[in-house]
Amino acid sequence: MSQNSGVEFILTKESGNFVLRSGSQTRAPIQSGQRPILHTHPTDEFGVNSLTPSLADIDVLNAAWARNPTGPRPVSQILVGTEKPTVFRATGFEPTPKPNPNKRN
């Protein structure tokens, strides 16, 4: 779907029903409090598909874990074409720190 349309899709489970939404080239809409089961990454302007979760992808799972810290660690998947899905998990309860472009090593 993403290869043909050029946009991300996201699958969630809401009130016992599976819900599939389409988004933009770099984002898929997710309602507050929802956890993604899987989402897609379309080909970028260079013809590359990213199998790596973005910071925003991880932050959605971190927020889900923060809402239920005694529950299991949230997990989701990224589907890219016919490749094997990338499985990724929440990394903690806080949002992922954003890189500081002004910081020197």
PDB file of N, CA and C in Angstrom:
ATOM      1  N   MET A   1       0.828  -1.200   0.000  1.00  0.00           N
ATOM      2  CA  MET A   1       0.000   0.000   0.000  1.00  0.00           C
ATOM      3  C   MET A   1       0.863   1.252   0.000  1.00  0.00           C
ATOM      4  N   SER A   2       1.859   1.296   0.895  1.00  0.00           N
ATOM      5  CA  SER A   2       2.706   2.488   0.976  1.00  0.00           C
ATOM      6  C   SER A   2       3.511   2.693  -0.292  1.00  0.00           C
ATOM      7  N   GLN A   3       3.940   1.589  -0.919  1.00  0.00           N
ATOM      8  CA  GLN A   3       4.737   1.716  -2.129  1.00  0.00           C
ATOM      9  C   GLN A   3       3.921   2.366  -3.246  1.00  0.00           C
ATOM     10  N   ASN A   4       2.640   2.047  -3.320  1.00  0.00           N
ATOM     11  CA  ASN A   4       1.781   2.607  -4.368  1.00  0.00           C
ATOM     12  C   ASN A   4       1.305   4.013  -4.051  1.00  0.00           C
ATOM     13  N   SER A   5       1.058   4.288  -2.781  1.00  0.00           N
ATOM     14  CA  SER A   5       0.471   5.576  -2.409  1.00  0.00           C
ATOM     15  C   SER A   5       1.511   6.605  -1.964  1.00  0.00           C
ATOM     16  N   GLY A   6       2.676   6.133  -1.476  1.00  0.00           N
ATOM     17  CA  GLY A   6       3.713   7.048  -1.006  1.00  0.00           C
ATOM     18  C   GLY A   6       3.454   7.617   0.379  1.00  0.00           C
ATOM     19  N   VAL A   7       2.520   7.022   1.134  1.00  0.00           N
ATOM     20  CA  VAL A   7       2.219   7.501   2.484  1.00  0.00           C
ATOM     21  C   VAL A   7       2.302   6.354   3.478  1.00  0.00           C
ATOM     22  N   GLU A   8       2.435   6.706   4.764  1.00  0.00           N
ATOM     23  CA  GLU A   8       2.440   5.702   5.823  1.00  0.00           C
ATOM     24  C   GLU A   8       1.014   5.265   6.133  1.00  0.00           C
ATOM     25  N   PHE A   9       0.892   4.018   6.574  1.00  0.00           N
ATOM     26  CA  PHE A   9      -0.354   3.487   7.100  1.00  0.00           C
ATOM     27  C   PHE A   9      -0.071   2.975   8.504  1.00  0.00           C
ATOM     28  N   ILE A  10      -1.085   3.025   9.369  1.00  0.00           N
ATOM     29  CA  ILE A  10      -0.929   2.548  10.738  1.00  0.00           C
ATOM     30  C   ILE A  10      -2.143   1.689  11.102  1.00  0.00           C
ATOM     31  N   LEU A  11      -1.878   0.584  11.786  1.00  0.00           N
ATOM     32  CA  LEU A  11      -2.930  -0.315  12.252  1.00  0.00           C
ATOM     33  C   LEU A  11      -2.953  -0.284  13.772  1.00  0.00           C
ATOM     34  N   THR A  12      -4.117   0.016  14.330  1.00  0.00           N
ATOM     35  CA  THR A  12      -4.309   0.022  15.783  1.00  0.00           C
ATOM     36  C   THR A  12      -5.520  -0.860  16.109  1.00  0.00           C
ATOM     37  N   LYS A  13      -5.684  -1.155  17.382  1.00  0.00           N
ATOM     38  CA  LYS A  13      -6.890  -1.846  17.838  1.00  0.00           C
ATOM     39  C   LYS A  13      -7.591  -0.918  18.804  1.00  0.00           C
ATOM     40  N   GLU A  14      -8.818  -0.554  18.464  1.00  0.00           N
ATOM     41  CA  GLU A  14      -9.590   0.416  19.243  1.00  0.00           C
ATOM     42  C   GLU A  14     -10.971  -0.161  19.539  1.00  0.00           C
ATOM     43  N   SER A  15     -11.303  -0.246  20.801  1.00  0.00           N
ATOM     44  CA  SER A  15     -12.607  -0.782  21.240  1.00  0.00           C
ATOM     45  C   SER A  15     -12.874  -2.155  20.634  1.00  0.00           C
ATOM     46  N   GLY A  16     -11.822  -2.977  20.548  1.00  0.00           N
ATOM     47  CA  GLY A  16     -11.977  -4.328  20.037  1.00  0.00           C
ATOM     48  C   GLY A  16     -11.956  -4.455  18.526  1.00  0.00           C
ATOM     49  N   ASN A  17     -11.835  -3.334  17.814  1.00  0.00           N
ATOM     50  CA  ASN A  17     -11.821  -3.359  16.350  1.00  0.00           C
ATOM     51  C   ASN A  17     -10.456  -2.937  15.823  1.00  0.00           C
ATOM     52  N   PHE A  18     -10.033  -3.551  14.737  1.00  0.00           N
ATOM     53  CA  PHE A  18      -8.814  -3.121  14.071  1.00  0.00           C
ATOM     54  C   PHE A  18      -9.135  -1.902  13.222  1.00  0.00           C
ATOM     55  N   VAL A  19      -8.281  -0.874  13.315  1.00  0.00           N
ATOM     56  CA  VAL A  19      -8.491   0.368  12.571  1.00  0.00           C
ATOM     57  C   VAL A  19      -7.229   0.655  11.764  1.00  0.00           C
ATOM     58  N   LEU A  20      -7.396   0.864  10.459  1.00  0.00           N
ATOM     59  CA  LEU A  20      -6.297   1.191   9.564  1.00  0.00           C
ATOM     60  C   LEU A  20      -6.454   2.636   9.100  1.00  0.00           C
ATOM     61  N   ARG A  21      -5.415   3.444   9.302  1.00  0.00           N
ATOM     62  CA  ARG A  21      -5.448   4.856   8.896  1.00  0.00           C
ATOM     63  C   ARG A  21      -4.284   5.145   7.957  1.00  0.00           C
ATOM     64  N   SER A  22      -4.495   6.066   7.043  1.00  0.00           N
ATOM     65  CA  SER A  22      -3.410   6.522   6.172  1.00  0.00           C
ATOM     66  C   SER A  22      -2.947   7.883   6.655  1.00  0.00           C
ATOM     67  N   GLY A  23      -1.692   8.211   6.352  1.00  0.00           N
ATOM     68  CA  GLY A  23      -1.123   9.479   6.794  1.00  0.00           C
ATOM     69  C   GLY A  23      -0.420  10.193   5.658  1.00  0.00           C
ATOM     70  N   SER A  24       0.751  10.736   5.973  1.00  0.00           N
ATOM     71  CA  SER A  24       1.557  11.441   4.979  1.00  0.00           C
ATOM     72  C   SER A  24       2.799  10.592   4.678  1.00  0.00           C
ATOM     73  N   GLN A  25       3.738  11.152   3.936  1.00  0.00           N
ATOM     74  CA  GLN A  25       4.947  10.408   3.596  1.00  0.00           C
ATOM     75  C   GLN A  25       5.783  10.085   4.829  1.00  0.00           C
ATOM     76  N   THR A  26       5.697  10.920   5.865  1.00  0.00           N
ATOM     77  CA  THR A  26       6.553  10.725   7.028  1.00  0.00           C
ATOM     78  C   THR A  26       5.808  10.502   8.338  1.00  0.00           C
ATOM     79  N   ARG A  27       4.487  10.501   8.320  1.00  0.00           N
ATOM     80  CA  ARG A  27       3.720  10.341   9.563  1.00  0.00           C
ATOM     81  C   ARG A  27       2.426   9.592   9.298  1.00  0.00           C
ATOM     82  N   ALA A  28       1.995   8.890  10.327  1.00  0.00           N
ATOM     83  CA  ALA A  28       0.672   8.263  10.292  1.00  0.00           C
ATOM     84  C   ALA A  28      -0.067   8.719  11.548  1.00  0.00           C
ATOM     85  N   PRO A  29      -1.335   9.096  11.423  1.00  0.00           N
ATOM     86  CA  PRO A  29      -2.058   9.624  12.583  1.00  0.00           C
ATOM     87  C   PRO A  29      -2.373   8.535  13.596  1.00  0.00           C
ATOM     88  N   ILE A  30      -2.165   8.856  14.856  1.00  0.00           N
ATOM     89  CA  ILE A  30      -2.533   7.933  15.930  1.00  0.00           C
ATOM     90  C   ILE A  30      -3.213   8.746  17.019  1.00  0.00           C
ATOM     91  N   GLN A  31      -4.324   8.244  17.485  1.00  0.00           N
ATOM     92  CA  GLN A  31      -5.076   8.924  18.524  1.00  0.00           C
ATOM     93  C   GLN A  31      -4.325   8.826  19.849  1.00  0.00           C
ATOM     94  N   SER A  32      -4.446   9.833  20.672  1.00  0.00           N
ATOM     95  CA  SER A  32      -3.820   9.822  21.988  1.00  0.00           C
ATOM     96  C   SER A  32      -4.308   8.611  22.766  1.00  0.00           C
ATOM     97  N   GLY A  33      -3.388   7.907  23.374  1.00  0.00           N
ATOM     98  CA  GLY A  33      -3.752   6.742  24.156  1.00  0.00           C
ATOM     99  C   GLY A  33      -3.783   5.447  23.369  1.00  0.00           C
ATOM    100  N   GLN A  34      -3.622   5.513  22.056  1.00  0.00           N
ATOM    101  CA  GLN A  34      -3.620   4.301  21.244  1.00  0.00           C
ATOM    102  C   GLN A  34      -2.200   3.774  21.092  1.00  0.00           C
ATOM    103  N   ARG A  35      -2.078   2.483  20.910  1.00  0.00           N
ATOM    104  CA  ARG A  35      -0.776   1.867  20.676  1.00  0.00           C
ATOM    105  C   ARG A  35      -0.781   1.252  19.282  1.00  0.00           C
ATOM    106  N   PRO A  36       0.243   1.552  18.497  1.00  0.00           N
ATOM    107  CA  PRO A  36       0.278   0.983  17.150  1.00  0.00           C
ATOM    108  C   PRO A  36       0.628  -0.497  17.171  1.00  0.00           C
ATOM    109  N   ILE A  37      -0.084  -1.269  16.399  1.00  0.00           N
ATOM    110  CA  ILE A  37       0.248  -2.675  16.224  1.00  0.00           C
ATOM    111  C   ILE A  37       1.354  -2.769  15.173  1.00  0.00           C
ATOM    112  N   LEU A  38       1.169  -2.037  14.090  1.00  0.00           N
ATOM    113  CA  LEU A  38       2.194  -1.957  13.060  1.00  0.00           C
ATOM    114  C   LEU A  38       1.935  -0.709  12.231  1.00  0.00           C
ATOM    115  N   HIS A  39       2.984  -0.276  11.533  1.00  0.00           N
ATOM    116  CA  HIS A  39       2.829   0.793  10.564  1.00  0.00           C
ATOM    117  C   HIS A  39       3.827   0.576   9.439  1.00  0.00           C
ATOM    118  N   THR A  40       3.631   1.319   8.366  1.00  0.00           N
ATOM    119  CA  THR A  40       4.474   1.168   7.184  1.00  0.00           C
ATOM    120  C   THR A  40       5.369   2.384   7.020  1.00  0.00           C
ATOM    121  N   HIS A  41       6.443   2.206   6.289  1.00  0.00           N
ATOM    122  CA  HIS A  41       7.308   3.305   5.869  1.00  0.00           C
ATOM    123  C   HIS A  41       7.402   3.257   4.346  1.00  0.00           C
ATOM    124  N   PRO A  42       6.942   4.306   3.665  1.00  0.00           N
ATOM    125  CA  PRO A  42       7.061   4.308   2.207  1.00  0.00           C
ATOM    126  C   PRO A  42       8.492   4.660   1.770  1.00  0.00           C
ATOM    127  N   THR A  43       8.747   4.527   0.493  1.00  0.00           N
ATOM    128  CA  THR A  43      10.036   4.903  -0.078  1.00  0.00           C
ATOM    129  C   THR A  43      10.211   6.414   0.030  1.00  0.00           C
ATOM    130  N   ASP A  44      11.415   6.861   0.433  1.00  0.00           N
ATOM    131  CA  ASP A  44      11.674   8.297   0.532  1.00  0.00           C
ATOM    132  C   ASP A  44      12.080   8.868  -0.830  1.00  0.00           C
ATOM    133  N   GLU A  45      12.462  10.138  -0.844  1.00  0.00           N
ATOM    134  CA  GLU A  45      12.793  10.813  -2.108  1.00  0.00           C
ATOM    135  C   GLU A  45      14.025  10.221  -2.794  1.00  0.00           C
ATOM    136  N   PHE A  46      14.806   9.415  -2.066  1.00  0.00           N
ATOM    137  CA  PHE A  46      15.995   8.772  -2.639  1.00  0.00           C
ATOM    138  C   PHE A  46      15.719   7.319  -3.030  1.00  0.00           C
ATOM    139  N   GLY A  47      14.465   6.886  -2.886  1.00  0.00           N
ATOM    140  CA  GLY A  47      14.102   5.522  -3.223  1.00  0.00           C
ATOM    141  C   GLY A  47      14.459   4.511  -2.154  1.00  0.00           C
ATOM    142  N   VAL A  48      14.653   4.980  -0.920  1.00  0.00           N
ATOM    143  CA  VAL A  48      15.055   4.115   0.193  1.00  0.00           C
ATOM    144  C   VAL A  48      13.897   3.943   1.161  1.00  0.00           C
ATOM    145  N   ASN A  49      13.724   2.724   1.656  1.00  0.00           N
ATOM    146  CA  ASN A  49      12.740   2.448   2.698  1.00  0.00           C
ATOM    147  C   ASN A  49      13.478   2.312   4.018  1.00  0.00           C
ATOM    148  N   SER A  50      12.997   2.978   5.052  1.00  0.00           N
ATOM    149  CA  SER A  50      13.626   2.896   6.362  1.00  0.00           C
ATOM    150  C   SER A  50      13.020   1.764   7.170  1.00  0.00           C
ATOM    151  N   LEU A  51      13.867   0.814   7.562  1.00  0.00           N
ATOM    152  CA  LEU A  51      13.427  -0.267   8.446  1.00  0.00           C
ATOM    153  C   LEU A  51      13.614   0.109   9.903  1.00  0.00           C
ATOM    154  N   THR A  52      14.176   1.300  10.154  1.00  0.00           N
ATOM    155  CA  THR A  52      14.488   1.750  11.505  1.00  0.00           C
ATOM    156  C   THR A  52      13.356   2.613  12.046  1.00  0.00           C
ATOM    157  N   PRO A  53      12.937   2.398  13.301  1.00  0.00           N
ATOM    158  CA  PRO A  53      11.901   3.263  13.876  1.00  0.00           C
ATOM    159  C   PRO A  53      12.442   4.663  14.115  1.00  0.00           C
ATOM    160  N   SER A  54      11.596   5.647  13.918  1.00  0.00           N
ATOM    161  CA  SER A  54      11.975   7.033  14.203  1.00  0.00           C
ATOM    162  C   SER A  54      11.850   7.289  15.704  1.00  0.00           C
ATOM    163  N   LEU A  55      12.380   8.424  16.156  1.00  0.00           N
ATOM    164  CA  LEU A  55      12.206   8.805  17.560  1.00  0.00           C
ATOM    165  C   LEU A  55      10.725   8.932  17.889  1.00  0.00           C
ATOM    166  N   ALA A  56       9.939   9.453  16.950  1.00  0.00           N
ATOM    167  CA  ALA A  56       8.494   9.584  17.175  1.00  0.00           C
ATOM    168  C   ALA A  56       7.838   8.207  17.325  1.00  0.00           C
ATOM    169  N   ASP A  57       8.291   7.226  16.522  1.00  0.00           N
ATOM    170  CA  ASP A  57       7.758   5.866  16.638  1.00  0.00           C
ATOM    171  C   ASP A  57       8.000   5.318  18.040  1.00  0.00           C
ATOM    172  N   ILE A  58       9.216   5.483  18.527  1.00  0.00           N
ATOM    173  CA  ILE A  58       9.580   4.976  19.859  1.00  0.00           C
ATOM    174  C   ILE A  58       8.834   5.742  20.945  1.00  0.00           C
ATOM    175  N   ASP A  59       8.677   7.055  20.766  1.00  0.00           N
ATOM    176  CA  ASP A  59       7.984   7.864  21.770  1.00  0.00           C
ATOM    177  C   ASP A  59       6.530   7.448  21.953  1.00  0.00           C
ATOM    178  N   VAL A  60       5.873   7.008  20.880  1.00  0.00           N
ATOM    179  CA  VAL A  60       4.488   6.530  21.010  1.00  0.00           C
ATOM    180  C   VAL A  60       4.448   5.319  21.938  1.00  0.00           C
ATOM    181  N   LEU A  61       5.407   4.407  21.792  1.00  0.00           N
ATOM    182  CA  LEU A  61       5.446   3.234  22.673  1.00  0.00           C
ATOM    183  C   LEU A  61       5.844   3.625  24.089  1.00  0.00           C
ATOM    184  N   ASN A  62       6.790   4.561  24.229  1.00  0.00           N
ATOM    185  CA  ASN A  62       7.186   5.021  25.568  1.00  0.00           C
ATOM    186  C   ASN A  62       5.990   5.631  26.301  1.00  0.00           C
ATOM    187  N   ALA A  63       5.176   6.406  25.590  1.00  0.00           N
ATOM    188  CA  ALA A  63       3.996   7.019  26.213  1.00  0.00           C
ATOM    189  C   ALA A  63       2.996   5.943  26.641  1.00  0.00           C
ATOM    190  N   ALA A  64       2.851   4.914  25.824  1.00  0.00           N
ATOM    191  CA  ALA A  64       1.942   3.812  26.183  1.00  0.00           C
ATOM    192  C   ALA A  64       2.439   3.095  27.438  1.00  0.00           C
ATOM    193  N   TRP A  65       3.744   2.898  27.542  1.00  0.00           N
ATOM    194  CA  TRP A  65       4.310   2.229  28.709  1.00  0.00           C
ATOM    195  C   TRP A  65       4.181   3.103  29.948  1.00  0.00           C
ATOM    196  N   ALA A  66       4.352   4.420  29.790  1.00  0.00           N
ATOM    197  CA  ALA A  66       4.208   5.349  30.922  1.00  0.00           C
ATOM    198  C   ALA A  66       2.770   5.345  31.449  1.00  0.00           C
ATOM    199  N   ARG A  67       1.787   5.139  30.572  1.00  0.00           N
ATOM    200  CA  ARG A  67       0.386   5.077  31.004  1.00  0.00           C
ATOM    201  C   ARG A  67       0.095   3.790  31.777  1.00  0.00           C
ATOM    202  N   ASN A  68       0.887   2.743  31.523  1.00  0.00           N
ATOM    203  CA  ASN A  68       0.667   1.454  32.176  1.00  0.00           C
ATOM    204  C   ASN A  68       2.023   0.851  32.545  1.00  0.00           C
ATOM    205  N   PRO A  69       2.736   1.460  33.517  1.00  0.00           N
ATOM    206  CA  PRO A  69       4.107   1.030  33.819  1.00  0.00           C
ATOM    207  C   PRO A  69       4.226  -0.369  34.404  1.00  0.00           C
ATOM    208  N   THR A  70       3.148  -0.939  34.923  1.00  0.00           N
ATOM    209  CA  THR A  70       3.225  -2.296  35.460  1.00  0.00           C
ATOM    210  C   THR A  70       2.884  -3.343  34.404  1.00  0.00           C
ATOM    211  N   GLY A  71       2.469  -2.880  33.232  1.00  0.00           N
ATOM    212  CA  GLY A  71       2.132  -3.795  32.144  1.00  0.00           C
ATOM    213  C   GLY A  71       3.363  -4.213  31.361  1.00  0.00           C
ATOM    214  N   PRO A  72       3.176  -5.076  30.383  1.00  0.00           N
ATOM    215  CA  PRO A  72       4.310  -5.518  29.575  1.00  0.00           C
ATOM    216  C   PRO A  72       4.857  -4.367  28.720  1.00  0.00           C
ATOM    217  N   ARG A  73       6.123  -4.475  28.379  1.00  0.00           N
ATOM    218  CA  ARG A  73       6.774  -3.461  27.551  1.00  0.00           C
ATOM    219  C   ARG A  73       6.109  -3.435  26.176  1.00  0.00           C
ATOM    220  N   PRO A  74       5.591  -2.281  25.731  1.00  0.00           N
ATOM    221  CA  PRO A  74       4.928  -2.201  24.429  1.00  0.00           C
ATOM    222  C   PRO A  74       5.874  -2.543  23.278  1.00  0.00           C
ATOM    223  N   VAL A  75       5.313  -3.191  22.284  1.00  0.00           N
ATOM    224  CA  VAL A  75       6.065  -3.591  21.097  1.00  0.00           C
ATOM    225  C   VAL A  75       5.236  -3.264  19.860  1.00  0.00           C
ATOM    226  N   SER A  76       5.903  -2.937  18.760  1.00  0.00           N
ATOM    227  CA  SER A  76       5.222  -2.652  17.506  1.00  0.00           C
ATOM    228  C   SER A  76       6.109  -3.141  16.368  1.00  0.00           C
ATOM    229  N   GLN A  77       5.625  -2.991  15.143  1.00  0.00           N
ATOM    230  CA  GLN A  77       6.365  -3.436  13.966  1.00  0.00           C
ATOM    231  C   GLN A  77       6.294  -2.401  12.866  1.00  0.00           C
ATOM    232  N   ILE A  78       7.338  -2.382  12.033  1.00  0.00           N
ATOM    233  CA  ILE A  78       7.359  -1.565  10.823  1.00  0.00           C
ATOM    234  C   ILE A  78       7.394  -2.521   9.644  1.00  0.00           C
ATOM    235  N   LEU A  79       6.460  -2.328   8.715  1.00  0.00           N
ATOM    236  CA  LEU A  79       6.431  -3.125   7.496  1.00  0.00           C
ATOM    237  C   LEU A  79       6.921  -2.267   6.341  1.00  0.00           C
ATOM    238  N   VAL A  80       7.861  -2.814   5.587  1.00  0.00           N
ATOM    239  CA  VAL A  80       8.393  -2.114   4.415  1.00  0.00           C
ATOM    240  C   VAL A  80       8.387  -3.092   3.253  1.00  0.00           C
ATOM    241  N   GLY A  81       7.482  -2.862   2.312  1.00  0.00           N
ATOM    242  CA  GLY A  81       7.403  -3.748   1.151  1.00  0.00           C
ATOM    243  C   GLY A  81       7.241  -5.194   1.575  1.00  0.00           C
ATOM    244  N   THR A  82       8.022  -6.065   0.958  1.00  0.00           N
ATOM    245  CA  THR A  82       7.947  -7.491   1.277  1.00  0.00           C
ATOM    246  C   THR A  82       9.054  -7.910   2.241  1.00  0.00           C
ATOM    247  N   GLU A  83       9.786  -6.928   2.785  1.00  0.00           N
ATOM    248  CA  GLU A  83      10.856  -7.221   3.738  1.00  0.00           C
ATOM    249  C   GLU A  83      10.268  -7.806   5.023  1.00  0.00           C
ATOM    250  N   LYS A  84      11.118  -8.512   5.771  1.00  0.00           N
ATOM    251  CA  LYS A  84      10.719  -9.006   7.082  1.00  0.00           C
ATOM    252  C   LYS A  84      10.448  -7.792   7.972  1.00  0.00           C
ATOM    253  N   PRO A  85       9.378  -7.787   8.766  1.00  0.00           N
ATOM    254  CA  PRO A  85       9.066  -6.614   9.595  1.00  0.00           C
ATOM    255  C   PRO A  85      10.156  -6.337  10.629  1.00  0.00           C
ATOM    256  N   THR A  86      10.327  -5.068  10.935  1.00  0.00           N
ATOM    257  CA  THR A  86      11.208  -4.650  12.016  1.00  0.00           C
ATOM    258  C   THR A  86      10.382  -4.577  13.285  1.00  0.00           C
ATOM    259  N   VAL A  87      10.783  -5.311  14.309  1.00  0.00           N
ATOM    260  CA  VAL A  87      10.102  -5.283  15.599  1.00  0.00           C
ATOM    261  C   VAL A  87      10.876  -4.328  16.502  1.00  0.00           C
ATOM    262  N   PHE A  88      10.166  -3.413  17.155  1.00  0.00           N
ATOM    263  CA  PHE A  88      10.825  -2.501  18.082  1.00  0.00           C
ATOM    264  C   PHE A  88       9.973  -2.356  19.331  1.00  0.00           C
ATOM    265  N   ARG A  89      10.621  -1.925  20.417  1.00  0.00           N
ATOM    266  CA  ARG A  89       9.959  -1.858  21.725  1.00  0.00           C
ATOM    267  C   ARG A  89      10.153  -0.492  22.360  1.00  0.00           C
ATOM    268  N   ALA A  90       9.321  -0.223  23.352  1.00  0.00           N
ATOM    269  CA  ALA A  90       9.504   0.991  24.155  1.00  0.00           C
ATOM    270  C   ALA A  90      10.877   0.934  24.810  1.00  0.00           C
ATOM    271  N   THR A  91      11.490   2.100  24.982  1.00  0.00           N
ATOM    272  CA  THR A  91      12.828   2.168  25.587  1.00  0.00           C
ATOM    273  C   THR A  91      12.789   2.701  27.015  1.00  0.00           C
ATOM    274  N   GLY A  92      11.651   3.197  27.453  1.00  0.00           N
ATOM    275  CA  GLY A  92      11.519   3.748  28.799  1.00  0.00           C
ATOM    276  C   GLY A  92      10.185   4.466  28.928  1.00  0.00           C
ATOM    277  N   PHE A  93      10.031   5.197  30.021  1.00  0.00           N
ATOM    278  CA  PHE A  93       8.771   5.905  30.270  1.00  0.00           C
ATOM    279  C   PHE A  93       8.785   7.335  29.769  1.00  0.00           C
ATOM    280  N   GLU A  94       9.956   7.864  29.475  1.00  0.00           N
ATOM    281  CA  GLU A  94      10.102   9.264  29.070  1.00  0.00           C
ATOM    282  C   GLU A  94      10.264   9.366  27.558  1.00  0.00           C
ATOM    283  N   PRO A  95       9.932  10.530  26.981  1.00  0.00           N
ATOM    284  CA  PRO A  95      10.209  10.735  25.553  1.00  0.00           C
ATOM    285  C   PRO A  95      11.704  10.619  25.271  1.00  0.00           C
ATOM    286  N   THR A  96      12.025  10.191  24.085  1.00  0.00           N
ATOM    287  CA  THR A  96      13.415  10.047  23.670  1.00  0.00           C
ATOM    288  C   THR A  96      14.061  11.429  23.579  1.00  0.00           C
ATOM    289  N   PRO A  97      15.249  11.614  24.182  1.00  0.00           N
ATOM    290  CA  PRO A  97      15.911  12.926  24.083  1.00  0.00           C
ATOM    291  C   PRO A  97      16.225  13.251  22.624  1.00  0.00           C
ATOM    292  N   LYS A  98      15.950  14.474  22.250  1.00  0.00           N
ATOM    293  CA  LYS A  98      16.241  14.928  20.891  1.00  0.00           C
ATOM    294  C   LYS A  98      17.708  15.326  20.790  1.00  0.00           C
ATOM    295  N   PRO A  99      18.368  14.983  19.682  1.00  0.00           N
ATOM    296  CA  PRO A  99      19.770  15.365  19.521  1.00  0.00           C
ATOM    297  C   PRO A  99      19.926  16.885  19.544  1.00  0.00           C
ATOM    298  N   ASN A 100      21.012  17.354  20.145  1.00  0.00           N
ATOM    299  CA  ASN A 100      21.326  18.784  20.173  1.00  0.00           C
ATOM    300  C   ASN A 100      22.334  19.066  19.063  1.00  0.00           C
ATOM    301  N   PRO A 101      21.912  19.768  17.992  1.00  0.00           N
ATOM    302  CA  PRO A 101      22.829  20.007  16.874  1.00  0.00           C
ATOM    303  C   PRO A 101      24.000  20.917  17.258  1.00  0.00           C
ATOM    304  N   ASN A 102      23.886  21.644  18.366  1.00  0.00           N
ATOM    305  CA  ASN A 102      24.948  22.560  18.767  1.00  0.00           C
ATOM    306  C   ASN A 102      25.984  21.920  19.697  1.00  0.00           C
ATOM    307  N   LYS A 103      25.687  20.707  20.154  1.00  0.00           N
ATOM    308  CA  LYS A 103      26.592  20.034  21.088  1.00  0.00           C
ATOM    309  C   LYS A 103      27.739  19.394  20.333  1.00  0.00           C
ATOM    310  N   ARG A 104      28.948  19.630  20.827  1.00  0.00           N
ATOM    311  CA  ARG A 104      30.129  19.021  20.227  1.00  0.00           C
ATOM    312  C   ARG A 104      30.618  17.902  21.114  1.00  0.00           C
ATOM    313  N   ASN A 105      31.125  16.866  20.481  1.00  0.00           N
ATOM    314  CA  ASN A 105      31.646  15.730  21.245  1.00  0.00           C
ATOM    315  C   ASN A 105      33.069  15.986  21.691  1.00  0.00           C
TER     316      ASN A 105
END
